[in-house]
Amino acid sequence: MYVGTLSFDLLLGDVRSLKEKRSVVRPIVAELHRKYAVSVAEVGDQDLYRRARIGLAVVSGDAGHLTDVMDRCERLVAARPEVELLSVRRRLHGDDD
């Protein structure tokens, strides 16, 4: 069994309130969950309206499949025009850990 995690640090574009922030972050979270069946949530910077931290976890029996899903998730977030991807932290945990 393999578990992969991603943490995205995002800078939001033209956002002036926490309500506007939710309208940007929620669709990203929902699309990741719907398209790739991953566990995903906003996990940090909830009180800052121009920053967001999204955490994601994937479980798979195959390390190659896990890496492929994580790569696709990262590309999806990076391609969103309303956010700037500042950093991505990736971890892979296997049975040997």
N, C-alpha and C. Protein backbone atom coordinates (compact mmCIF):
# COMPACT_ATOMS: atom_id res chain seq x y z
N MET A 1 0.85 -1.18 0.00
CA MET A 1 0.00 0.00 0.00
C MET A 1 0.89 1.24 0.00
N TYR A 2 0.49 2.22 -0.79
CA TYR A 2 1.21 3.48 -0.88
C TYR A 2 0.26 4.63 -0.60
N VAL A 3 0.75 5.61 0.12
CA VAL A 3 -0.01 6.82 0.43
C VAL A 3 0.80 8.01 -0.05
N GLY A 4 0.16 8.86 -0.83
CA GLY A 4 0.82 10.06 -1.32
C GLY A 4 0.09 11.29 -0.83
N THR A 5 0.84 12.32 -0.49
CA THR A 5 0.22 13.58 -0.07
C THR A 5 0.83 14.73 -0.86
N LEU A 6 -0.01 15.70 -1.13
CA LEU A 6 0.40 16.95 -1.77
C LEU A 6 -0.10 18.10 -0.92
N SER A 7 0.70 19.14 -0.82
CA SER A 7 0.28 20.36 -0.16
C SER A 7 0.58 21.51 -1.11
N PHE A 8 -0.47 22.23 -1.51
CA PHE A 8 -0.34 23.34 -2.44
C PHE A 8 -0.41 24.66 -1.67
N ASP A 9 0.55 25.53 -1.92
CA ASP A 9 0.52 26.89 -1.37
C ASP A 9 0.14 27.81 -2.53
N LEU A 10 -1.01 28.46 -2.40
CA LEU A 10 -1.55 29.25 -3.50
C LEU A 10 -1.64 30.73 -3.16
N LEU A 11 -1.39 31.56 -4.15
CA LEU A 11 -1.66 32.99 -4.07
C LEU A 11 -2.86 33.25 -4.97
N LEU A 12 -3.90 33.81 -4.40
CA LEU A 12 -5.13 34.05 -5.15
C LEU A 12 -5.06 35.40 -5.84
N GLY A 13 -5.68 35.49 -6.99
CA GLY A 13 -5.64 36.70 -7.81
C GLY A 13 -6.42 37.85 -7.20
N ASP A 14 -7.38 38.34 -7.92
CA ASP A 14 -8.15 39.52 -7.53
C ASP A 14 -9.23 39.14 -6.52
N VAL A 15 -8.82 38.90 -5.28
CA VAL A 15 -9.73 38.50 -4.21
C VAL A 15 -9.64 39.54 -3.11
N ARG A 16 -10.81 40.04 -2.65
CA ARG A 16 -10.81 41.10 -1.65
C ARG A 16 -11.53 40.73 -0.37
N SER A 17 -12.00 39.48 -0.27
CA SER A 17 -12.70 39.07 0.95
C SER A 17 -12.60 37.55 1.10
N LEU A 18 -12.94 37.07 2.29
CA LEU A 18 -12.95 35.63 2.52
C LEU A 18 -14.06 34.95 1.71
N LYS A 19 -15.14 35.66 1.48
CA LYS A 19 -16.24 35.12 0.67
C LYS A 19 -15.77 34.89 -0.78
N GLU A 20 -15.06 35.86 -1.33
CA GLU A 20 -14.51 35.70 -2.68
C GLU A 20 -13.48 34.58 -2.71
N LYS A 21 -12.70 34.45 -1.64
CA LYS A 21 -11.71 33.39 -1.56
C LYS A 21 -12.40 32.03 -1.65
N ARG A 22 -13.49 31.85 -0.90
CA ARG A 22 -14.24 30.58 -0.94
C ARG A 22 -14.72 30.28 -2.35
N SER A 23 -15.13 31.31 -3.09
CA SER A 23 -15.64 31.10 -4.44
C SER A 23 -14.54 30.68 -5.42
N VAL A 24 -13.29 30.87 -5.04
CA VAL A 24 -12.16 30.42 -5.85
C VAL A 24 -11.67 29.04 -5.39
N VAL A 25 -11.56 28.85 -4.09
CA VAL A 25 -10.97 27.62 -3.54
C VAL A 25 -11.92 26.43 -3.64
N ARG A 26 -13.19 26.62 -3.33
CA ARG A 26 -14.14 25.50 -3.34
C ARG A 26 -14.24 24.78 -4.69
N PRO A 27 -14.30 25.49 -5.82
CA PRO A 27 -14.34 24.77 -7.09
C PRO A 27 -13.08 23.95 -7.38
N ILE A 28 -11.93 24.43 -6.94
CA ILE A 28 -10.68 23.67 -7.13
C ILE A 28 -10.74 22.38 -6.31
N VAL A 29 -11.13 22.50 -5.06
CA VAL A 29 -11.24 21.33 -4.18
C VAL A 29 -12.25 20.33 -4.75
N ALA A 30 -13.40 20.83 -5.19
CA ALA A 30 -14.44 19.96 -5.72
C ALA A 30 -13.99 19.25 -7.00
N GLU A 31 -13.30 19.96 -7.87
CA GLU A 31 -12.84 19.35 -9.12
C GLU A 31 -11.79 18.28 -8.88
N LEU A 32 -10.86 18.53 -7.97
CA LEU A 32 -9.86 17.52 -7.64
C LEU A 32 -10.53 16.25 -7.10
N HIS A 33 -11.49 16.44 -6.21
CA HIS A 33 -12.20 15.30 -5.62
C HIS A 33 -13.00 14.54 -6.69
N ARG A 34 -13.70 15.26 -7.52
CA ARG A 34 -14.57 14.65 -8.53
C ARG A 34 -13.75 13.93 -9.61
N LYS A 35 -12.72 14.58 -10.13
CA LYS A 35 -11.96 14.02 -11.24
C LYS A 35 -11.05 12.86 -10.84
N TYR A 36 -10.44 12.96 -9.66
CA TYR A 36 -9.39 12.00 -9.31
C TYR A 36 -9.70 11.17 -8.07
N ALA A 37 -10.86 11.33 -7.47
CA ALA A 37 -11.28 10.55 -6.29
C ALA A 37 -10.22 10.58 -5.18
N VAL A 38 -9.72 11.77 -4.91
CA VAL A 38 -8.74 11.97 -3.85
C VAL A 38 -9.42 12.64 -2.66
N SER A 39 -8.81 12.53 -1.52
CA SER A 39 -9.27 13.29 -0.34
C SER A 39 -8.57 14.63 -0.39
N VAL A 40 -9.35 15.70 -0.33
CA VAL A 40 -8.78 17.04 -0.50
C VAL A 40 -9.57 18.04 0.33
N ALA A 41 -8.84 19.03 0.88
CA ALA A 41 -9.48 20.06 1.70
C ALA A 41 -8.57 21.28 1.79
N GLU A 42 -9.17 22.41 2.12
CA GLU A 42 -8.38 23.59 2.46
C GLU A 42 -7.86 23.37 3.87
N VAL A 43 -6.55 23.40 4.05
CA VAL A 43 -5.96 23.00 5.33
C VAL A 43 -5.17 24.10 6.04
N GLY A 44 -5.09 25.26 5.44
CA GLY A 44 -4.33 26.32 6.11
C GLY A 44 -4.61 27.68 5.50
N ASP A 45 -4.14 28.70 6.19
CA ASP A 45 -4.31 30.10 5.76
C ASP A 45 -5.78 30.48 5.58
N GLN A 46 -6.66 29.91 6.40
CA GLN A 46 -8.09 30.19 6.26
C GLN A 46 -8.44 31.64 6.57
N ASP A 47 -7.63 32.31 7.38
CA ASP A 47 -7.95 33.69 7.76
C ASP A 47 -7.32 34.73 6.83
N LEU A 48 -6.54 34.28 5.85
CA LEU A 48 -5.92 35.19 4.87
C LEU A 48 -6.70 35.09 3.57
N TYR A 49 -7.16 36.22 3.05
CA TYR A 49 -8.03 36.14 1.88
C TYR A 49 -7.30 36.02 0.55
N ARG A 50 -5.99 36.28 0.50
CA ARG A 50 -5.26 36.13 -0.78
C ARG A 50 -4.36 34.91 -0.80
N ARG A 51 -4.35 34.13 0.27
CA ARG A 51 -3.52 32.91 0.31
C ARG A 51 -4.40 31.73 0.65
N ALA A 52 -3.99 30.56 0.16
CA ALA A 52 -4.72 29.33 0.47
C ALA A 52 -3.73 28.18 0.49
N ARG A 53 -3.98 27.24 1.36
CA ARG A 53 -3.20 26.00 1.41
C ARG A 53 -4.20 24.86 1.27
N ILE A 54 -3.98 24.04 0.25
CA ILE A 54 -4.85 22.90 -0.03
C ILE A 54 -4.03 21.63 0.18
N GLY A 55 -4.60 20.70 0.94
CA GLY A 55 -3.96 19.41 1.18
C GLY A 55 -4.72 18.31 0.48
N LEU A 56 -3.97 17.31 0.01
CA LEU A 56 -4.55 16.24 -0.79
C LEU A 56 -3.89 14.92 -0.41
N ALA A 57 -4.65 13.85 -0.35
CA ALA A 57 -4.10 12.52 -0.04
C ALA A 57 -4.67 11.49 -1.01
N VAL A 58 -3.82 10.54 -1.41
CA VAL A 58 -4.19 9.47 -2.33
C VAL A 58 -3.66 8.16 -1.77
N VAL A 59 -4.45 7.10 -1.89
CA VAL A 59 -4.03 5.77 -1.48
C VAL A 59 -4.11 4.85 -2.69
N SER A 60 -3.07 4.04 -2.89
CA SER A 60 -3.07 3.12 -4.03
C SER A 60 -2.21 1.91 -3.71
N GLY A 61 -2.47 0.83 -4.42
CA GLY A 61 -1.65 -0.37 -4.28
C GLY A 61 -0.45 -0.35 -5.19
N ASP A 62 -0.39 0.64 -6.09
CA ASP A 62 0.69 0.72 -7.08
C ASP A 62 1.34 2.10 -7.02
N ALA A 63 2.65 2.14 -6.82
CA ALA A 63 3.36 3.42 -6.70
C ALA A 63 3.30 4.21 -8.00
N GLY A 64 3.32 3.55 -9.14
CA GLY A 64 3.25 4.24 -10.42
C GLY A 64 1.93 4.94 -10.62
N HIS A 65 0.86 4.26 -10.28
CA HIS A 65 -0.48 4.87 -10.38
C HIS A 65 -0.60 6.06 -9.44
N LEU A 66 -0.06 5.91 -8.24
CA LEU A 66 -0.10 6.98 -7.25
C LEU A 66 0.62 8.22 -7.78
N THR A 67 1.80 8.04 -8.32
CA THR A 67 2.57 9.15 -8.87
C THR A 67 1.84 9.80 -10.03
N ASP A 68 1.21 9.00 -10.88
CA ASP A 68 0.46 9.53 -12.02
C ASP A 68 -0.71 10.41 -11.54
N VAL A 69 -1.47 9.95 -10.57
CA VAL A 69 -2.60 10.73 -10.04
C VAL A 69 -2.10 12.02 -9.42
N MET A 70 -1.02 11.95 -8.66
CA MET A 70 -0.49 13.16 -8.02
C MET A 70 0.01 14.16 -9.06
N ASP A 71 0.65 13.67 -10.13
CA ASP A 71 1.10 14.56 -11.21
C ASP A 71 -0.07 15.25 -11.87
N ARG A 72 -1.15 14.51 -12.12
CA ARG A 72 -2.34 15.09 -12.76
C ARG A 72 -2.98 16.16 -11.86
N CYS A 73 -3.04 15.88 -10.57
CA CYS A 73 -3.60 16.86 -9.63
C CYS A 73 -2.77 18.14 -9.62
N GLU A 74 -1.46 17.98 -9.61
CA GLU A 74 -0.58 19.15 -9.61
C GLU A 74 -0.74 19.96 -10.88
N ARG A 75 -0.83 19.31 -12.02
CA ARG A 75 -1.03 20.02 -13.29
C ARG A 75 -2.37 20.76 -13.32
N LEU A 76 -3.41 20.14 -12.77
CA LEU A 76 -4.72 20.77 -12.74
C LEU A 76 -4.68 22.07 -11.94
N VAL A 77 -4.07 22.04 -10.77
CA VAL A 77 -3.99 23.25 -9.93
C VAL A 77 -3.10 24.30 -10.59
N ALA A 78 -1.98 23.88 -11.16
CA ALA A 78 -1.07 24.83 -11.80
C ALA A 78 -1.70 25.51 -13.02
N ALA A 79 -2.64 24.84 -13.67
CA ALA A 79 -3.27 25.39 -14.87
C ALA A 79 -4.40 26.36 -14.58
N ARG A 80 -4.83 26.46 -13.33
CA ARG A 80 -5.94 27.36 -12.99
C ARG A 80 -5.48 28.81 -13.11
N PRO A 81 -6.13 29.61 -13.95
CA PRO A 81 -5.67 30.99 -14.17
C PRO A 81 -5.93 31.93 -13.00
N GLU A 82 -6.88 31.58 -12.12
CA GLU A 82 -7.23 32.48 -11.02
C GLU A 82 -6.30 32.35 -9.81
N VAL A 83 -5.37 31.38 -9.84
CA VAL A 83 -4.43 31.21 -8.74
C VAL A 83 -3.01 31.10 -9.27
N GLU A 84 -2.07 31.47 -8.42
CA GLU A 84 -0.65 31.27 -8.72
C GLU A 84 -0.14 30.22 -7.75
N LEU A 85 0.43 29.15 -8.29
CA LEU A 85 0.96 28.06 -7.47
C LEU A 85 2.35 28.46 -6.99
N LEU A 86 2.46 28.77 -5.69
CA LEU A 86 3.73 29.22 -5.13
C LEU A 86 4.66 28.05 -4.82
N SER A 87 4.11 26.98 -4.26
CA SER A 87 4.93 25.81 -3.96
C SER A 87 4.06 24.57 -3.82
N VAL A 88 4.70 23.42 -4.01
CA VAL A 88 4.04 22.14 -3.84
C VAL A 88 4.96 21.27 -3.00
N ARG A 89 4.39 20.66 -1.98
CA ARG A 89 5.15 19.73 -1.15
C ARG A 89 4.56 18.34 -1.38
N ARG A 90 5.40 17.40 -1.77
CA ARG A 90 4.96 16.06 -2.15
C ARG A 90 5.65 15.04 -1.25
N ARG A 91 4.84 14.11 -0.76
CA ARG A 91 5.38 13.01 0.06
C ARG A 91 4.78 11.70 -0.40
N LEU A 92 5.60 10.66 -0.39
CA LEU A 92 5.16 9.33 -0.75
C LEU A 92 5.56 8.38 0.37
N HIS A 93 4.60 7.65 0.90
CA HIS A 93 4.83 6.72 1.99
C HIS A 93 4.47 5.32 1.51
N GLY A 94 5.38 4.36 1.75
CA GLY A 94 5.12 2.99 1.35
C GLY A 94 5.12 2.07 2.54
N ASP A 95 4.98 0.77 2.27
CA ASP A 95 4.96 -0.23 3.32
C ASP A 95 6.28 -0.29 4.10
N ASP A 96 7.35 0.14 3.47
CA ASP A 96 8.67 0.09 4.11
C ASP A 96 8.90 1.19 5.12
N ASP A 97 8.05 2.23 5.12
CA ASP A 97 8.23 3.37 6.04
C ASP A 97 7.88 3.00 7.46
